[in-house]
């Protein structure tokens, strides 16, 4: 069984890609909705919470782990790889641009922007491309709880930058959950979801674990809006349950 962790419901967008890439694999999703958002927390808190999630899933006998969260990836990937006795795959930052895309925006949480992984990856692969990073504090939480008015206000702050860019990387796994809102904001901009590259990397690294019954466990540390997002993405008859993670 392959474990998938996120700070909340955003990783469900990655899980959807994982299930398409490995339809026969069994997945165990764990979203830390009780302590969401992670993007404005300290690196120490992010590492502590991420390790708790990873160890909890290891106790459920998962044999591989996908970090479906950019914030956890940039702050705790190395720690999880050292601490857990299983392969750990993080969000992929090496995204492909089209030849005509000369100015690219990176939208993500403050923690992800501060680490600079997407900016560095793009600068290395596309040295002539102008990369502009924009932190979006509060957006992941607004999406998590489906606060539509707040989502609209926060997206409006992104509009000026989007109007100047050819492409935009959605560097938080919550952001693709409202892809239609992004597209309405700037119809001419191409929005890039790193979840697709992450699913390919996971299939390559965990291919031997991809043969199962195709079942998925959906668990969260606080139910909240989690069940709504699970139903919206995977069907109305899919059950989600709440679990407790020991501090």
C-alpha atoms as a PDB file:
ATOM      1  CA  UNK A   1       0.000   0.000   0.000  1.00  0.00           C
ATOM      2  CA  UNK A   2       1.311   3.454  -0.918  1.00  0.00           C
ATOM      3  CA  UNK A   3       0.928   6.234   1.632  1.00  0.00           C
ATOM      4  CA  UNK A   4       0.093   9.800   0.608  1.00  0.00           C
ATOM      5  CA  UNK A   5       0.417  12.749   3.002  1.00  0.00           C
ATOM      6  CA  UNK A   6      -0.612  16.389   2.860  1.00  0.00           C
ATOM      7  CA  UNK A   7      -1.281  19.244   5.260  1.00  0.00           C
ATOM      8  CA  UNK A   8      -4.966  18.904   4.423  1.00  0.00           C
ATOM      9  CA  UNK A   9      -7.150  18.221   1.399  1.00  0.00           C
ATOM     10  CA  UNK A  10      -4.866  19.689  -1.284  1.00  0.00           C
ATOM     11  CA  UNK A  11      -3.046  16.409  -1.757  1.00  0.00           C
ATOM     12  CA  UNK A  12      -6.261  14.907  -3.073  1.00  0.00           C
ATOM     13  CA  UNK A  13      -5.429  16.638  -6.359  1.00  0.00           C
ATOM     14  CA  UNK A  14      -2.183  14.637  -6.422  1.00  0.00           C
ATOM     15  CA  UNK A  15      -3.936  11.446  -5.364  1.00  0.00           C
ATOM     16  CA  UNK A  16      -6.245  11.813  -8.353  1.00  0.00           C
ATOM     17  CA  UNK A  17      -3.211  11.845 -10.680  1.00  0.00           C
ATOM     18  CA  UNK A  18      -1.627   8.938  -8.807  1.00  0.00           C
ATOM     19  CA  UNK A  19      -4.738   6.816  -9.222  1.00  0.00           C
ATOM     20  CA  UNK A  20      -4.778   7.533 -12.952  1.00  0.00           C
ATOM     21  CA  UNK A  21      -1.079   6.667 -13.278  1.00  0.00           C
ATOM     22  CA  UNK A  22      -1.367   3.499 -11.140  1.00  0.00           C
ATOM     23  CA  UNK A  23      -5.020   2.355 -11.276  1.00  0.00           C
ATOM     24  CA  UNK A  24      -4.344  -1.022  -9.653  1.00  0.00           C
ATOM     25  CA  UNK A  25      -2.333   0.358  -6.726  1.00  0.00           C
ATOM     26  CA  UNK A  26      -3.718   0.604  -3.193  1.00  0.00           C
ATOM     27  CA  UNK A  27      -3.391   4.037  -1.556  1.00  0.00           C
ATOM     28  CA  UNK A  28      -3.682   5.284   2.020  1.00  0.00           C
ATOM     29  CA  UNK A  29      -4.280   9.056   2.139  1.00  0.00           C
ATOM     30  CA  UNK A  30      -3.628  11.048   5.313  1.00  0.00           C
ATOM     31  CA  UNK A  31      -4.456  14.762   5.462  1.00  0.00           C
ATOM     32  CA  UNK A  32      -3.528  16.791   8.539  1.00  0.00           C
ATOM     33  CA  UNK A  33      -6.635  18.968   8.436  1.00  0.00           C
ATOM     34  CA  UNK A  34      -6.494  19.630  12.201  1.00  0.00           C
ATOM     35  CA  UNK A  35      -3.213  21.557  11.857  1.00  0.00           C
ATOM     36  CA  UNK A  36      -3.687  23.033   8.389  1.00  0.00           C
ATOM     37  CA  UNK A  37      -2.275  25.250   6.952  1.00  0.00           C
ATOM     38  CA  UNK A  38       1.425  24.314   7.020  1.00  0.00           C
ATOM     39  CA  UNK A  39       2.560  27.069   4.646  1.00  0.00           C
ATOM     40  CA  UNK A  40       2.789  29.764   7.313  1.00  0.00           C
ATOM     41  CA  UNK A  41       4.301  27.548  10.028  1.00  0.00           C
ATOM     42  CA  UNK A  42       7.961  27.472  11.039  1.00  0.00           C
ATOM     43  CA  UNK A  43      10.321  24.927   9.422  1.00  0.00           C
ATOM     44  CA  UNK A  44      10.627  23.188  12.790  1.00  0.00           C
ATOM     45  CA  UNK A  45       6.857  22.748  13.100  1.00  0.00           C
ATOM     46  CA  UNK A  46       6.552  21.498   9.529  1.00  0.00           C
ATOM     47  CA  UNK A  47       9.290  18.908  10.081  1.00  0.00           C
ATOM     48  CA  UNK A  48       7.781  17.766  13.372  1.00  0.00           C
ATOM     49  CA  UNK A  49       4.267  17.342  11.997  1.00  0.00           C
ATOM     50  CA  UNK A  50       5.461  15.727   8.764  1.00  0.00           C
ATOM     51  CA  UNK A  51       7.470  13.140  10.640  1.00  0.00           C
ATOM     52  CA  UNK A  52       4.447  12.312  12.783  1.00  0.00           C
ATOM     53  CA  UNK A  53       2.364  11.755   9.644  1.00  0.00           C
ATOM     54  CA  UNK A  54       5.031   9.593   8.029  1.00  0.00           C
ATOM     55  CA  UNK A  55       5.525   7.438  11.129  1.00  0.00           C
ATOM     56  CA  UNK A  56       1.768   6.996  11.539  1.00  0.00           C
ATOM     57  CA  UNK A  57       1.437   5.720   7.979  1.00  0.00           C
ATOM     58  CA  UNK A  58       4.467   3.473   8.418  1.00  0.00           C
ATOM     59  CA  UNK A  59       2.636   1.899  11.362  1.00  0.00           C
ATOM     60  CA  UNK A  60      -0.264   1.197   8.979  1.00  0.00           C
ATOM     61  CA  UNK A  61       2.218  -0.900   6.957  1.00  0.00           C
ATOM     62  CA  UNK A  62       2.484   1.303   3.888  1.00  0.00           C
ATOM     63  CA  UNK A  63       5.560   0.402   1.851  1.00  0.00           C
ATOM     64  CA  UNK A  64       6.119   3.667  -0.001  1.00  0.00           C
ATOM     65  CA  UNK A  65       5.265   7.315   0.605  1.00  0.00           C
ATOM     66  CA  UNK A  66       4.278  10.181  -1.688  1.00  0.00           C
ATOM     67  CA  UNK A  67       4.459  13.671  -0.214  1.00  0.00           C
ATOM     68  CA  UNK A  68       1.487  15.370  -1.874  1.00  0.00           C
ATOM     69  CA  UNK A  69       2.420  18.756  -0.447  1.00  0.00           C
ATOM     70  CA  UNK A  70       4.947  21.287  -1.720  1.00  0.00           C
ATOM     71  CA  UNK A  71       5.540  22.786   1.726  1.00  0.00           C
ATOM     72  CA  UNK A  72       6.382  19.399   3.256  1.00  0.00           C
ATOM     73  CA  UNK A  73       8.533  18.547   0.251  1.00  0.00           C
ATOM     74  CA  UNK A  74      10.722  21.644   0.489  1.00  0.00           C
ATOM     75  CA  UNK A  75      10.998  21.586   4.272  1.00  0.00           C
ATOM     76  CA  UNK A  76      11.000  17.903   5.269  1.00  0.00           C
ATOM     77  CA  UNK A  77      11.740  15.606   2.294  1.00  0.00           C
ATOM     78  CA  UNK A  78      15.317  14.840   3.348  1.00  0.00           C
ATOM     79  CA  UNK A  79      14.242  14.270   6.956  1.00  0.00           C
ATOM     80  CA  UNK A  80      11.521  11.819   5.962  1.00  0.00           C
ATOM     81  CA  UNK A  81      13.876   9.930   3.679  1.00  0.00           C
ATOM     82  CA  UNK A  82      16.361   9.518   6.532  1.00  0.00           C
ATOM     83  CA  UNK A  83      13.799   8.639   9.187  1.00  0.00           C
ATOM     84  CA  UNK A  84      11.453   6.259   7.357  1.00  0.00           C
ATOM     85  CA  UNK A  85      12.361   2.770   6.157  1.00  0.00           C
ATOM     86  CA  UNK A  86      10.602   3.081   2.789  1.00  0.00           C
ATOM     87  CA  UNK A  87      10.953   5.014  -0.475  1.00  0.00           C
ATOM     88  CA  UNK A  88       9.741   8.632  -0.200  1.00  0.00           C
ATOM     89  CA  UNK A  89       8.739  10.665  -3.270  1.00  0.00           C
ATOM     90  CA  UNK A  90       8.292  14.445  -3.062  1.00  0.00           C
ATOM     91  CA  UNK A  91       6.513  16.919  -5.310  1.00  0.00           C
ATOM     92  CA  UNK A  92       8.417  17.400  -8.564  1.00  0.00           C
ATOM     93  CA  UNK A  93       9.671  20.915  -9.311  1.00  0.00           C
ATOM     94  CA  UNK A  94      11.247  20.235 -12.728  1.00  0.00           C
ATOM     95  CA  UNK A  95       8.283  21.253 -14.882  1.00  0.00           C
ATOM     96  CA  UNK A  96       8.362  21.620 -18.677  1.00  0.00           C
ATOM     97  CA  UNK A  97       7.724  24.957 -20.371  1.00  0.00           C
ATOM     98  CA  UNK A  98       6.665  25.652 -23.929  1.00  0.00           C
ATOM     99  CA  UNK A  99       9.104  27.538 -26.230  1.00  0.00           C
ATOM    100  CA  UNK A 100       6.890  30.642 -26.330  1.00  0.00           C
ATOM    101  CA  UNK A 101       6.673  30.901 -22.528  1.00  0.00           C
ATOM    102  CA  UNK A 102       9.217  33.560 -21.568  1.00  0.00           C
ATOM    103  CA  UNK A 103       7.709  34.861 -18.331  1.00  0.00           C
ATOM    104  CA  UNK A 104       6.465  32.433 -15.715  1.00  0.00           C
ATOM    105  CA  UNK A 105       4.829  32.985 -12.332  1.00  0.00           C
ATOM    106  CA  UNK A 106       5.185  30.639  -9.381  1.00  0.00           C
ATOM    107  CA  UNK A 107       2.289  30.759  -6.920  1.00  0.00           C
ATOM    108  CA  UNK A 108       2.762  28.898  -3.640  1.00  0.00           C
ATOM    109  CA  UNK A 109       2.677  29.163   0.150  1.00  0.00           C
ATOM    110  CA  UNK A 110       5.150  31.470   1.901  1.00  0.00           C
ATOM    111  CA  UNK A 111       7.205  28.478   3.073  1.00  0.00           C
ATOM    112  CA  UNK A 112       7.545  27.060  -0.450  1.00  0.00           C
ATOM    113  CA  UNK A 113       8.382  30.425  -2.017  1.00  0.00           C
ATOM    114  CA  UNK A 114      10.976  31.146   0.672  1.00  0.00           C
ATOM    115  CA  UNK A 115      12.756  27.853  -0.036  1.00  0.00           C
ATOM    116  CA  UNK A 116      12.934  28.673  -3.754  1.00  0.00           C
ATOM    117  CA  UNK A 117      12.922  25.160  -5.215  1.00  0.00           C
ATOM    118  CA  UNK A 118      10.725  26.007  -8.204  1.00  0.00           C
ATOM    119  CA  UNK A 119      12.637  29.196  -8.967  1.00  0.00           C
ATOM    120  CA  UNK A 120      15.982  27.387  -8.835  1.00  0.00           C
ATOM    121  CA  UNK A 121      14.782  24.480 -10.966  1.00  0.00           C
ATOM    122  CA  UNK A 122      13.407  26.806 -13.643  1.00  0.00           C
ATOM    123  CA  UNK A 123      16.509  29.003 -13.639  1.00  0.00           C
ATOM    124  CA  UNK A 124      18.703  25.956 -14.194  1.00  0.00           C
ATOM    125  CA  UNK A 125      16.618  24.451 -16.995  1.00  0.00           C
ATOM    126  CA  UNK A 126      15.452  27.700 -18.635  1.00  0.00           C
ATOM    127  CA  UNK A 127      18.077  30.389 -17.928  1.00  0.00           C
ATOM    128  CA  UNK A 128      16.507  32.923 -20.332  1.00  0.00           C
ATOM    129  CA  UNK A 129      13.024  32.709 -18.826  1.00  0.00           C
ATOM    130  CA  UNK A 130      11.892  35.436 -16.422  1.00  0.00           C
ATOM    131  CA  UNK A 131      10.564  33.719 -13.279  1.00  0.00           C
ATOM    132  CA  UNK A 132       8.483  35.686 -10.778  1.00  0.00           C
ATOM    133  CA  UNK A 133       7.528  34.143  -7.425  1.00  0.00           C
ATOM    134  CA  UNK A 134       4.393  35.167  -5.548  1.00  0.00           C
ATOM    135  CA  UNK A 135       3.497  33.916  -2.057  1.00  0.00           C
ATOM    136  CA  UNK A 136      -0.223  33.473  -1.354  1.00  0.00           C
ATOM    137  CA  UNK A 137      -0.705  33.419   2.433  1.00  0.00           C
ATOM    138  CA  UNK A 138      -4.181  32.269   3.369  1.00  0.00           C
ATOM    139  CA  UNK A 139      -5.188  30.862  -0.011  1.00  0.00           C
ATOM    140  CA  UNK A 140      -4.631  27.198   0.877  1.00  0.00           C
ATOM    141  CA  UNK A 141      -6.697  27.578   4.039  1.00  0.00           C
ATOM    142  CA  UNK A 142      -9.474  29.402   2.180  1.00  0.00           C
ATOM    143  CA  UNK A 143      -9.619  26.573  -0.365  1.00  0.00           C
ATOM    144  CA  UNK A 144      -9.465  23.943   2.384  1.00  0.00           C
ATOM    145  CA  UNK A 145     -12.596  25.374   4.009  1.00  0.00           C
ATOM    146  CA  UNK A 146     -14.246  26.424   0.732  1.00  0.00           C
ATOM    147  CA  UNK A 147     -14.496  30.091   1.733  1.00  0.00           C
ATOM    148  CA  UNK A 148     -15.528  31.337  -1.691  1.00  0.00           C
ATOM    149  CA  UNK A 149     -15.505  35.077  -1.006  1.00  0.00           C
ATOM    150  CA  UNK A 150     -12.027  34.923   0.509  1.00  0.00           C
ATOM    151  CA  UNK A 151     -10.780  32.780  -2.390  1.00  0.00           C
ATOM    152  CA  UNK A 152     -12.023  35.392  -4.840  1.00  0.00           C
ATOM    153  CA  UNK A 153     -10.320  38.218  -2.962  1.00  0.00           C
ATOM    154  CA  UNK A 154      -6.994  36.401  -2.733  1.00  0.00           C
ATOM    155  CA  UNK A 155      -7.055  35.434  -6.408  1.00  0.00           C
ATOM    156  CA  UNK A 156      -7.678  39.064  -7.364  1.00  0.00           C
ATOM    157  CA  UNK A 157      -4.296  39.863  -5.808  1.00  0.00           C
ATOM    158  CA  UNK A 158      -2.736  37.484  -8.350  1.00  0.00           C
ATOM    159  CA  UNK A 159      -4.438  39.022 -11.386  1.00  0.00           C
ATOM    160  CA  UNK A 160      -1.848  41.775 -12.145  1.00  0.00           C
ATOM    161  CA  UNK A 161       1.027  39.287 -12.242  1.00  0.00           C
ATOM    162  CA  UNK A 162      -0.961  36.742 -14.269  1.00  0.00           C
ATOM    163  CA  UNK A 163      -1.737  39.365 -16.906  1.00  0.00           C
ATOM    164  CA  UNK A 164       2.011  39.699 -17.535  1.00  0.00           C
ATOM    165  CA  UNK A 165       2.861  35.968 -17.680  1.00  0.00           C
ATOM    166  CA  UNK A 166       2.658  33.233 -20.291  1.00  0.00           C
ATOM    167  CA  UNK A 167       2.411  30.401 -17.762  1.00  0.00           C
ATOM    168  CA  UNK A 168       1.887  29.921 -14.059  1.00  0.00           C
ATOM    169  CA  UNK A 169       2.956  27.077 -11.796  1.00  0.00           C
ATOM    170  CA  UNK A 170       0.449  26.148  -9.103  1.00  0.00           C
ATOM    171  CA  UNK A 171       3.041  25.343  -6.455  1.00  0.00           C
ATOM    172  CA  UNK A 172       0.603  24.314  -3.740  1.00  0.00           C
ATOM    173  CA  UNK A 173      -1.475  21.173  -4.124  1.00  0.00           C
ATOM    174  CA  UNK A 174      -4.577  23.021  -2.894  1.00  0.00           C
ATOM    175  CA  UNK A 175      -4.499  25.416  -5.834  1.00  0.00           C
ATOM    176  CA  UNK A 176      -5.493  22.942  -8.612  1.00  0.00           C
ATOM    177  CA  UNK A 177      -8.681  22.215  -6.655  1.00  0.00           C
ATOM    178  CA  UNK A 178      -9.955  25.578  -7.955  1.00  0.00           C
ATOM    179  CA  UNK A 179      -8.393  25.377 -11.432  1.00  0.00           C
ATOM    180  CA  UNK A 180     -11.508  26.832 -13.079  1.00  0.00           C
ATOM    181  CA  UNK A 181     -11.177  29.964 -10.937  1.00  0.00           C
ATOM    182  CA  UNK A 182      -7.556  30.411 -12.022  1.00  0.00           C
ATOM    183  CA  UNK A 183      -8.501  29.954 -15.672  1.00  0.00           C
ATOM    184  CA  UNK A 184     -11.300  32.525 -15.469  1.00  0.00           C
ATOM    185  CA  UNK A 185      -8.856  34.952 -13.882  1.00  0.00           C
ATOM    186  CA  UNK A 186      -6.503  34.726 -16.858  1.00  0.00           C
ATOM    187  CA  UNK A 187      -7.806  32.670 -19.831  1.00  0.00           C
ATOM    188  CA  UNK A 188      -4.644  33.270 -21.897  1.00  0.00           C
ATOM    189  CA  UNK A 189      -2.275  31.911 -19.244  1.00  0.00           C
ATOM    190  CA  UNK A 190      -1.299  28.218 -19.125  1.00  0.00           C
ATOM    191  CA  UNK A 191      -1.558  26.782 -15.615  1.00  0.00           C
ATOM    192  CA  UNK A 192       0.890  24.021 -14.732  1.00  0.00           C
ATOM    193  CA  UNK A 193       0.019  21.400 -12.121  1.00  0.00           C
ATOM    194  CA  UNK A 194       3.162  19.603 -10.815  1.00  0.00           C
ATOM    195  CA  UNK A 195       0.962  16.706  -9.676  1.00  0.00           C
ATOM    196  CA  UNK A 196       1.213  15.128 -13.121  1.00  0.00           C
ATOM    197  CA  UNK A 197       5.016  15.008 -13.033  1.00  0.00           C
ATOM    198  CA  UNK A 198       4.862  13.773  -9.444  1.00  0.00           C
ATOM    199  CA  UNK A 199       2.571  10.885 -10.411  1.00  0.00           C
ATOM    200  CA  UNK A 200       4.978   9.869 -13.171  1.00  0.00           C
ATOM    201  CA  UNK A 201       7.909   9.949 -10.748  1.00  0.00           C
ATOM    202  CA  UNK A 202       5.960   7.886  -8.225  1.00  0.00           C
ATOM    203  CA  UNK A 203       5.038   5.294 -10.864  1.00  0.00           C
ATOM    204  CA  UNK A 204       8.698   5.022 -11.861  1.00  0.00           C
ATOM    205  CA  UNK A 205       9.932   4.667  -8.257  1.00  0.00           C
ATOM    206  CA  UNK A 206       7.075   2.588  -6.849  1.00  0.00           C
ATOM    207  CA  UNK A 207       6.074   0.593  -9.912  1.00  0.00           C
ATOM    208  CA  UNK A 208       6.522  -2.738  -8.179  1.00  0.00           C
ATOM    209  CA  UNK A 209       3.893  -1.660  -5.632  1.00  0.00           C
ATOM    210  CA  UNK A 210       1.344  -0.704  -8.266  1.00  0.00           C
ATOM    211  CA  UNK A 211      -0.408  -4.078  -8.347  1.00  0.00           C
ATOM    212  CA  UNK A 212      -3.263  -4.323  -5.889  1.00  0.00           C
ATOM    213  CA  UNK A 213      -7.039  -4.092  -5.797  1.00  0.00           C
ATOM    214  CA  UNK A 214      -7.219  -0.380  -6.603  1.00  0.00           C
ATOM    215  CA  UNK A 215      -8.670   0.585  -3.213  1.00  0.00           C
ATOM    216  CA  UNK A 216      -8.028   3.817  -1.307  1.00  0.00           C
ATOM    217  CA  UNK A 217      -8.291   4.778   2.366  1.00  0.00           C
ATOM    218  CA  UNK A 218      -9.174   8.448   2.980  1.00  0.00           C
ATOM    219  CA  UNK A 219      -8.219   9.639   6.457  1.00  0.00           C
ATOM    220  CA  UNK A 220      -7.968  13.082   8.043  1.00  0.00           C
ATOM    221  CA  UNK A 221      -7.001  14.411  11.466  1.00  0.00           C
ATOM    222  CA  UNK A 222     -10.180  16.528  11.474  1.00  0.00           C
ATOM    223  CA  UNK A 223     -13.167  15.924   9.258  1.00  0.00           C
ATOM    224  CA  UNK A 224     -14.262  19.514   8.579  1.00  0.00           C
ATOM    225  CA  UNK A 225     -14.653  19.976   4.818  1.00  0.00           C
ATOM    226  CA  UNK A 226     -12.622  16.871   3.983  1.00  0.00           C
ATOM    227  CA  UNK A 227     -15.602  14.678   3.182  1.00  0.00           C
ATOM    228  CA  UNK A 228     -16.938  17.326   0.790  1.00  0.00           C
ATOM    229  CA  UNK A 229     -13.666  17.418  -1.175  1.00  0.00           C
ATOM    230  CA  UNK A 230     -13.406  13.621  -1.260  1.00  0.00           C
ATOM    231  CA  UNK A 231     -16.956  13.372  -2.621  1.00  0.00           C
ATOM    232  CA  UNK A 232     -16.349  16.126  -5.150  1.00  0.00           C
ATOM    233  CA  UNK A 233     -13.200  14.490  -6.542  1.00  0.00           C
ATOM    234  CA  UNK A 234     -13.894  10.779  -6.161  1.00  0.00           C
ATOM    235  CA  UNK A 235     -17.650  10.310  -5.968  1.00  0.00           C
ATOM    236  CA  UNK A 236     -20.513  10.752  -3.475  1.00  0.00           C
ATOM    237  CA  UNK A 237     -20.303   7.223  -2.105  1.00  0.00           C
ATOM    238  CA  UNK A 238     -16.637   7.427  -1.058  1.00  0.00           C
ATOM    239  CA  UNK A 239     -16.193   7.452   2.715  1.00  0.00           C
ATOM    240  CA  UNK A 240     -13.631   9.475   4.672  1.00  0.00           C
ATOM    241  CA  UNK A 241     -12.796   8.947   8.320  1.00  0.00           C
ATOM    242  CA  UNK A 242     -11.102  10.865  11.099  1.00  0.00           C
ATOM    243  CA  UNK A 243      -7.986   9.550  12.845  1.00  0.00           C
ATOM    244  CA  UNK A 244      -5.837  10.749  15.736  1.00  0.00           C
ATOM    245  CA  UNK A 245      -2.118  11.425  15.371  1.00  0.00           C
ATOM    246  CA  UNK A 246      -0.143  11.293  18.598  1.00  0.00           C
ATOM    247  CA  UNK A 247       1.955  14.388  19.307  1.00  0.00           C
END
